[in-house]
Amino acid sequence: MPTISQSSEELLLTQISSEVVSLSPQIDQIKLRMRLAGILSLYDVRPAQLPGAHPDIQDKVRLFLAAKKLEGLSPLTLEGYQLELRIFAEKVRKPVTDITTADIRVFLGDFPDLKTSSISKKLSVLKSFFSWLTEEEIIPRDPTRKIKPPKKEQRMPKALTIEELEMIREACQTYRERALIEVLYATGCRLSEVQALNRDDINWQTASARVIGKGNKEREVFFSFKAMYHLRKYLMNRLDREPALFITERQPYRRLSKRGIQREIHIIADRAGIQKSVHPHTLRHTFATLTLNNGADISTVQALLGHEDPATTQVYAQISDEHKKEQYKKYHVQ
């Protein structure tokens, strides 16, 4: 069993190596690790400890995140893993070899107010973590193996109607507001994808852009004529040199945060008098629903949304089928 210092030294070595390789992929990893190991051998390396968490689990979490970064997981995914595992480490104060299935069940049951989807997310992260520990032979067996994910809530996504979408558009008061609404709706992008866009990402000739979605996967999305018109209008009225597509309205100008975009959409929806809850993902739902209702092929919509699992897109097809049923009842001659 390695000591805390040895484990920490190995962890630091892995983290530094991964950072250097990400900046310069051509570098010889073996030589790099050997030179770093020689330098680190002169020091007693100990990690900073989180309050209340066992040092062993903290070490293993750091190793896990470093390994996943080398596998190419996106910074957003790694950030999510880190947050969930930090909460777990502070609640379950044990070395990883002592953590049982019962410990994990008790931990997951300690969030009675969370939605089923949030519990599933926590379990998914833990399964990934303990599965990796088992594969690396750090622990003899996976304590999450016997835990089944909770049944998913069968809720239909709440899309805007055509009338509500027009009300949202009419409620916009600034160039940025209108451009933001049109881009979110026209592309069907996730909040994080739009937030990360830069001016140079927009191909004005093809009215498209390439975005990085879940799993660090790249896909092409498209802009409608309205989206291109209002986006161009917004950018032409900006005097800054900030590369981000959407920025703050006050100096110092910087990329608009995800929270900032959410707040903007909420303000516009309130101004429009929309009764239902409206957030950036609502416009993604609206894009999918209205596109399918207008006759688009489900596999095309799946590709445009960046869904890996066709079943995820199928939810919108069910809404489309409901629309067809309504049309049948309305127009069918008995």
Protein backbone atom coordinates (compact mmCIF):
# COMPACT_ATOMS: atom_id res chain seq x y z
CA MET A 1 0.00 0.00 0.00
CA PRO A 2 1.57 3.32 -1.03
CA THR A 3 1.99 6.06 1.54
CA ILE A 4 0.07 9.33 1.26
CA SER A 5 3.22 11.06 0.08
CA GLN A 6 3.96 8.44 -2.60
CA SER A 7 0.38 8.48 -3.84
CA SER A 8 0.36 12.28 -3.96
CA GLU A 9 3.67 12.35 -5.83
CA GLU A 10 2.29 9.97 -8.46
CA LEU A 11 -0.87 12.06 -8.71
CA LEU A 12 1.05 15.32 -9.17
CA LEU A 13 3.23 13.63 -11.76
CA THR A 14 0.16 12.50 -13.72
CA GLN A 15 -1.53 15.90 -13.50
CA ILE A 16 1.53 17.87 -14.62
CA SER A 17 2.20 15.41 -17.45
CA SER A 18 -1.39 15.64 -18.72
CA GLU A 19 -1.28 19.45 -18.66
CA VAL A 20 2.03 19.60 -20.57
CA VAL A 21 0.88 17.00 -23.14
CA SER A 22 -2.40 18.89 -23.70
CA LEU A 23 -0.36 22.01 -24.55
CA SER A 24 2.24 20.16 -26.62
CA PRO A 25 0.97 16.76 -27.90
CA GLN A 26 4.25 15.96 -29.70
CA ILE A 27 6.25 15.78 -26.48
CA ASP A 28 7.79 12.45 -25.40
CA GLN A 29 5.61 11.45 -22.42
CA ILE A 30 8.00 8.80 -21.08
CA LYS A 31 11.00 11.19 -20.98
CA LEU A 32 8.81 13.91 -19.48
CA ARG A 33 7.61 11.64 -16.66
CA MET A 34 11.16 10.42 -15.92
CA ARG A 35 12.51 13.99 -15.62
CA LEU A 36 9.57 15.12 -13.49
CA ALA A 37 9.90 12.05 -11.25
CA GLY A 38 13.56 12.93 -10.65
CA ILE A 39 12.63 16.48 -9.61
CA LEU A 40 9.71 15.40 -7.40
CA SER A 41 11.86 12.81 -5.61
CA LEU A 42 13.64 15.72 -3.91
CA TYR A 43 10.38 16.89 -2.26
CA ASP A 44 7.83 15.57 0.21
CA VAL A 45 4.58 16.07 -1.73
CA ARG A 46 1.32 16.24 0.21
CA PRO A 47 -2.02 17.44 -1.19
CA ALA A 48 -4.17 20.14 0.41
CA GLN A 49 -7.02 18.43 2.23
CA LEU A 50 -10.72 19.21 1.93
CA PRO A 51 -12.36 19.77 5.32
CA GLY A 52 -14.04 16.60 6.53
CA ALA A 53 -12.96 14.38 3.64
CA HIS A 54 -10.65 11.36 4.06
CA PRO A 55 -7.23 11.94 2.42
CA ASP A 56 -7.35 8.56 0.66
CA ILE A 57 -10.54 9.28 -1.26
CA GLN A 58 -9.24 12.75 -2.16
CA ASP A 59 -6.12 11.19 -3.67
CA LYS A 60 -8.17 8.68 -5.65
CA VAL A 61 -10.53 11.37 -6.94
CA ARG A 62 -7.56 13.40 -8.19
CA LEU A 63 -6.07 10.36 -9.94
CA PHE A 64 -9.47 9.55 -11.49
CA LEU A 65 -9.93 13.09 -12.83
CA ALA A 66 -6.39 13.16 -14.21
CA ALA A 67 -6.98 9.85 -15.99
CA LYS A 68 -10.29 11.04 -17.44
CA LYS A 69 -8.67 14.25 -18.67
CA LEU A 70 -6.08 12.18 -20.55
CA GLU A 71 -8.96 10.20 -22.09
CA GLY A 72 -10.24 13.45 -23.60
CA LEU A 73 -13.28 14.25 -21.46
CA SER A 74 -14.45 17.83 -21.83
CA PRO A 75 -13.66 20.44 -19.15
CA LEU A 76 -17.40 20.76 -18.48
CA THR A 77 -17.75 17.01 -17.80
CA LEU A 78 -14.66 17.00 -15.58
CA GLU A 79 -16.02 19.96 -13.64
CA GLY A 80 -19.26 18.06 -13.04
CA TYR A 81 -17.39 14.95 -11.91
CA GLN A 82 -15.24 16.99 -9.54
CA LEU A 83 -18.25 18.68 -7.93
CA GLU A 84 -20.21 15.46 -7.40
CA LEU A 85 -17.21 13.54 -6.05
CA ARG A 86 -16.32 16.38 -3.70
CA ILE A 87 -19.83 16.24 -2.19
CA PHE A 88 -19.51 12.46 -1.88
CA ALA A 89 -16.05 12.67 -0.25
CA GLU A 90 -17.24 15.16 2.35
CA LYS A 91 -20.27 13.00 3.23
CA VAL A 92 -18.64 9.55 3.21
CA ARG A 93 -15.46 9.98 5.21
CA LYS A 94 -13.74 6.65 4.49
CA PRO A 95 -10.85 5.22 2.44
CA VAL A 96 -12.14 3.90 -0.91
CA THR A 97 -11.42 0.28 0.08
CA ASP A 98 -13.81 0.60 3.05
CA ILE A 99 -16.74 2.13 1.14
CA THR A 100 -19.66 -0.30 0.81
CA THR A 101 -22.81 -0.53 -1.28
CA ALA A 102 -24.77 0.43 1.83
CA ASP A 103 -22.68 3.61 2.23
CA ILE A 104 -23.53 4.68 -1.31
CA ARG A 105 -27.25 3.89 -0.90
CA VAL A 106 -27.36 5.94 2.31
CA PHE A 107 -25.55 8.81 0.57
CA LEU A 108 -27.99 8.81 -2.38
CA GLY A 109 -30.94 8.61 -0.01
CA ASP A 110 -29.74 11.72 1.81
CA PHE A 111 -31.19 14.02 -0.89
CA PRO A 112 -34.99 13.63 -0.54
CA ASP A 113 -35.76 16.92 -2.30
CA LEU A 114 -33.73 16.21 -5.44
CA LYS A 115 -35.39 15.12 -8.69
CA THR A 116 -34.88 11.57 -9.92
CA SER A 117 -32.71 12.90 -12.76
CA SER A 118 -30.35 14.57 -10.25
CA ILE A 119 -30.05 11.36 -8.21
CA SER A 120 -29.34 9.44 -11.43
CA LYS A 121 -26.58 11.92 -12.27
CA LYS A 122 -24.94 11.42 -8.86
CA LEU A 123 -25.12 7.64 -9.24
CA SER A 124 -23.73 7.80 -12.79
CA VAL A 125 -20.66 9.73 -11.57
CA LEU A 126 -20.11 7.27 -8.69
CA LYS A 127 -20.45 4.29 -11.04
CA SER A 128 -17.84 5.79 -13.35
CA PHE A 129 -15.50 6.50 -10.40
CA PHE A 130 -15.76 3.10 -8.70
CA SER A 131 -15.70 1.22 -12.01
CA TRP A 132 -12.39 2.95 -12.80
CA LEU A 133 -11.01 2.11 -9.34
CA THR A 134 -11.93 -1.55 -9.93
CA GLU A 135 -10.38 -1.66 -13.41
CA GLU A 136 -7.19 -0.11 -12.03
CA GLU A 137 -7.21 -2.80 -9.28
CA ILE A 138 -7.19 -0.12 -6.57
CA ILE A 139 -10.25 -1.77 -4.99
CA PRO A 140 -11.20 -5.47 -5.27
CA ARG A 141 -14.89 -4.97 -6.20
CA ASP A 142 -17.22 -2.22 -7.37
CA PRO A 143 -19.69 -1.21 -4.61
CA THR A 144 -22.01 0.49 -7.13
CA ARG A 145 -22.45 -2.63 -9.29
CA LYS A 146 -25.62 -3.78 -7.50
CA ILE A 147 -27.25 -0.35 -7.43
CA LYS A 148 -29.75 0.19 -10.22
CA PRO A 149 -30.47 3.72 -11.43
CA PRO A 150 -33.91 5.08 -10.45
CA LYS A 151 -36.65 5.06 -13.06
CA LYS A 152 -36.61 8.15 -15.22
CA GLU A 153 -39.42 10.63 -14.82
CA GLN A 154 -41.65 10.38 -17.88
CA ARG A 155 -42.16 14.08 -18.44
CA MET A 156 -42.64 15.65 -21.82
CA PRO A 157 -40.33 18.59 -22.57
CA LYS A 158 -42.25 21.88 -22.38
CA ALA A 159 -41.83 23.62 -25.70
CA LEU A 160 -43.18 27.03 -26.66
CA THR A 161 -46.08 27.28 -29.07
CA ILE A 162 -45.63 29.34 -32.24
CA GLU A 163 -47.68 32.12 -30.62
CA GLU A 164 -45.54 32.08 -27.46
CA LEU A 165 -42.34 32.15 -29.53
CA GLU A 166 -43.61 35.28 -31.30
CA MET A 167 -44.50 36.86 -27.95
CA ILE A 168 -40.93 36.20 -26.77
CA ARG A 169 -39.54 37.80 -29.92
CA GLU A 170 -41.76 40.87 -29.56
CA ALA A 171 -40.71 41.28 -25.91
CA CYS A 172 -37.02 41.73 -26.78
CA GLN A 173 -35.80 45.28 -26.17
CA THR A 174 -32.10 45.15 -27.12
CA TYR A 175 -30.10 43.82 -30.06
CA ARG A 176 -28.45 41.28 -27.76
CA GLU A 177 -31.76 39.95 -26.43
CA ARG A 178 -33.20 39.36 -29.90
CA ALA A 179 -29.97 37.82 -31.24
CA LEU A 180 -29.76 35.49 -28.23
CA ILE A 181 -33.35 34.28 -28.67
CA GLU A 182 -32.91 33.71 -32.41
CA VAL A 183 -29.59 31.86 -32.04
CA LEU A 184 -30.87 29.56 -29.27
CA TYR A 185 -34.03 28.73 -31.22
CA ALA A 186 -32.53 28.47 -34.73
CA THR A 187 -29.61 26.22 -33.76
CA GLY A 188 -31.28 24.13 -31.04
CA CYS A 189 -28.01 24.42 -29.13
CA ARG A 190 -27.50 23.69 -25.45
CA LEU A 191 -26.81 26.64 -23.15
CA SER A 192 -23.13 25.70 -22.75
CA GLU A 193 -22.68 25.45 -26.54
CA VAL A 194 -24.04 28.93 -27.23
CA GLN A 195 -22.17 30.43 -24.28
CA ALA A 196 -18.85 29.09 -25.65
CA LEU A 197 -19.34 30.46 -29.19
CA ASN A 198 -16.94 33.08 -30.54
CA ARG A 199 -17.48 35.57 -33.36
CA ASP A 200 -14.97 33.71 -35.55
CA ASP A 201 -16.96 30.47 -35.16
CA ILE A 202 -19.74 31.84 -37.36
CA ASN A 203 -19.48 30.93 -41.04
CA TRP A 204 -21.47 33.77 -42.62
CA GLN A 205 -21.41 32.23 -46.09
CA THR A 206 -22.97 28.91 -45.05
CA ALA A 207 -24.98 30.35 -42.12
CA SER A 208 -23.54 27.71 -39.82
CA ALA A 209 -21.11 27.10 -36.97
CA ARG A 210 -19.37 24.16 -35.35
CA VAL A 211 -20.02 23.63 -31.64
CA ILE A 212 -18.57 21.27 -29.03
CA GLY A 213 -21.34 19.30 -27.34
CA LYS A 214 -21.57 16.57 -24.73
CA GLY A 215 -18.73 14.08 -24.69
CA ASN A 216 -16.48 16.67 -26.34
CA LYS A 217 -18.14 15.87 -29.70
CA GLU A 218 -18.17 18.44 -32.48
CA ARG A 219 -21.18 19.01 -34.73
CA GLU A 220 -22.41 21.56 -37.25
CA VAL A 221 -25.43 23.71 -36.43
CA PHE A 222 -27.30 26.11 -38.71
CA PHE A 223 -28.76 29.61 -38.44
CA SER A 224 -32.05 30.79 -39.90
CA PHE A 225 -32.30 33.99 -41.94
CA LYS A 226 -33.81 35.72 -38.88
CA ALA A 227 -30.98 34.52 -36.65
CA MET A 228 -28.31 35.73 -39.09
CA TYR A 229 -30.04 39.10 -39.52
CA HIS A 230 -30.39 39.82 -35.79
CA LEU A 231 -26.95 38.43 -34.96
CA ARG A 232 -25.32 40.66 -37.57
CA LYS A 233 -27.30 43.65 -36.27
CA TYR A 234 -26.12 42.93 -32.71
CA LEU A 235 -22.45 42.55 -33.70
CA MET A 236 -22.46 45.68 -35.89
CA ASN A 237 -23.55 47.74 -32.88
CA ARG A 238 -20.72 46.45 -30.69
CA LEU A 239 -17.57 48.57 -30.36
CA ASP A 240 -15.47 46.08 -28.36
CA ARG A 241 -12.80 43.61 -29.52
CA GLU A 242 -13.96 40.78 -27.30
CA PRO A 243 -13.88 37.49 -29.27
CA ALA A 244 -16.94 36.01 -27.49
CA LEU A 245 -20.19 36.00 -29.47
CA PHE A 246 -22.30 37.19 -26.54
CA ILE A 247 -20.78 39.56 -24.00
CA THR A 248 -21.78 41.64 -20.99
CA GLU A 249 -23.36 45.04 -21.62
CA ARG A 250 -21.08 46.94 -19.24
CA GLN A 251 -17.31 47.33 -19.14
CA PRO A 252 -15.03 45.54 -18.62
CA TYR A 253 -16.58 43.55 -21.46
CA ARG A 254 -16.33 39.79 -21.05
CA ARG A 255 -18.06 36.62 -22.20
CA LEU A 256 -21.64 36.43 -20.95
CA SER A 257 -21.83 33.67 -18.35
CA LYS A 258 -24.28 30.77 -18.46
CA ARG A 259 -26.06 32.27 -15.47
CA GLY A 260 -26.18 35.60 -17.31
CA ILE A 261 -27.86 33.99 -20.35
CA GLN A 262 -30.38 32.19 -18.13
CA ARG A 263 -31.22 35.48 -16.41
CA GLU A 264 -31.64 37.23 -19.77
CA ILE A 265 -34.10 34.60 -21.05
CA HIS A 266 -36.06 34.71 -17.79
CA ILE A 267 -36.39 38.52 -17.98
CA ILE A 268 -37.59 38.39 -21.61
CA ALA A 269 -40.16 35.66 -20.83
CA ASP A 270 -41.49 37.63 -17.84
CA ARG A 271 -41.77 40.73 -20.01
CA ALA A 272 -43.67 38.72 -22.63
CA GLY A 273 -46.15 37.49 -20.00
CA ILE A 274 -45.44 33.80 -20.65
CA GLN A 275 -46.97 31.78 -17.81
CA LYS A 276 -44.86 28.63 -18.17
CA SER A 277 -41.25 28.41 -16.98
CA VAL A 278 -38.92 29.51 -19.80
CA HIS A 279 -35.18 28.89 -19.84
CA PRO A 280 -32.54 28.40 -22.59
CA HIS A 281 -33.33 24.68 -22.87
CA THR A 282 -36.98 25.57 -23.58
CA LEU A 283 -35.85 27.06 -26.89
CA ARG A 284 -33.99 23.83 -27.66
CA HIS A 285 -37.20 21.89 -26.95
CA THR A 286 -39.10 24.34 -29.15
CA PHE A 287 -36.65 23.91 -32.03
CA ALA A 288 -36.99 20.11 -31.90
CA THR A 289 -40.77 20.03 -31.48
CA LEU A 290 -41.66 22.58 -34.16
CA THR A 291 -39.12 21.11 -36.62
CA LEU A 292 -40.57 17.61 -36.21
CA ASN A 293 -44.13 18.91 -36.38
CA ASN A 294 -43.22 20.56 -39.66
CA GLY A 295 -42.22 17.19 -41.16
CA ALA A 296 -38.48 16.87 -40.49
CA ASP A 297 -36.95 13.38 -40.34
CA ILE A 298 -36.26 12.29 -36.75
CA SER A 299 -32.71 11.11 -37.56
CA THR A 300 -31.89 14.56 -38.96
CA VAL A 301 -33.22 16.28 -35.84
CA GLN A 302 -31.21 13.82 -33.72
CA ALA A 303 -28.02 14.85 -35.56
CA LEU A 304 -28.84 18.57 -35.30
CA LEU A 305 -29.43 18.28 -31.55
CA GLY A 306 -26.30 16.19 -30.99
CA HIS A 307 -28.21 13.34 -29.34
CA GLU A 308 -26.20 10.14 -29.08
CA ASP A 309 -29.22 8.02 -28.16
CA PRO A 310 -32.16 8.06 -30.64
CA ALA A 311 -34.52 7.47 -27.69
CA THR A 312 -33.74 10.98 -26.43
CA THR A 313 -35.00 12.50 -29.68
CA GLN A 314 -37.97 10.11 -29.71
CA VAL A 315 -39.55 12.11 -26.85
CA TYR A 316 -40.07 14.99 -29.28
CA ALA A 317 -41.50 12.59 -31.88
CA GLN A 318 -44.17 11.61 -29.33
CA ILE A 319 -45.18 15.26 -29.13
CA SER A 320 -45.28 15.35 -32.90
CA ASP A 321 -47.55 12.27 -32.97
CA GLU A 322 -49.90 14.03 -30.54
CA HIS A 323 -50.01 16.96 -32.93
CA LYS A 324 -50.91 14.60 -35.80
CA LYS A 325 -53.68 13.09 -33.68
CA GLU A 326 -55.14 16.55 -33.05
CA GLN A 327 -54.99 17.35 -36.77
CA TYR A 328 -56.68 14.06 -37.63
CA LYS A 329 -59.58 14.73 -35.23
CA LYS A 330 -59.96 18.26 -36.56
CA TYR A 331 -59.90 17.56 -40.30
CA HIS A 332 -60.99 13.93 -40.80
CA VAL A 333 -64.36 13.65 -42.54
CA GLN A 334 -66.51 10.97 -40.87
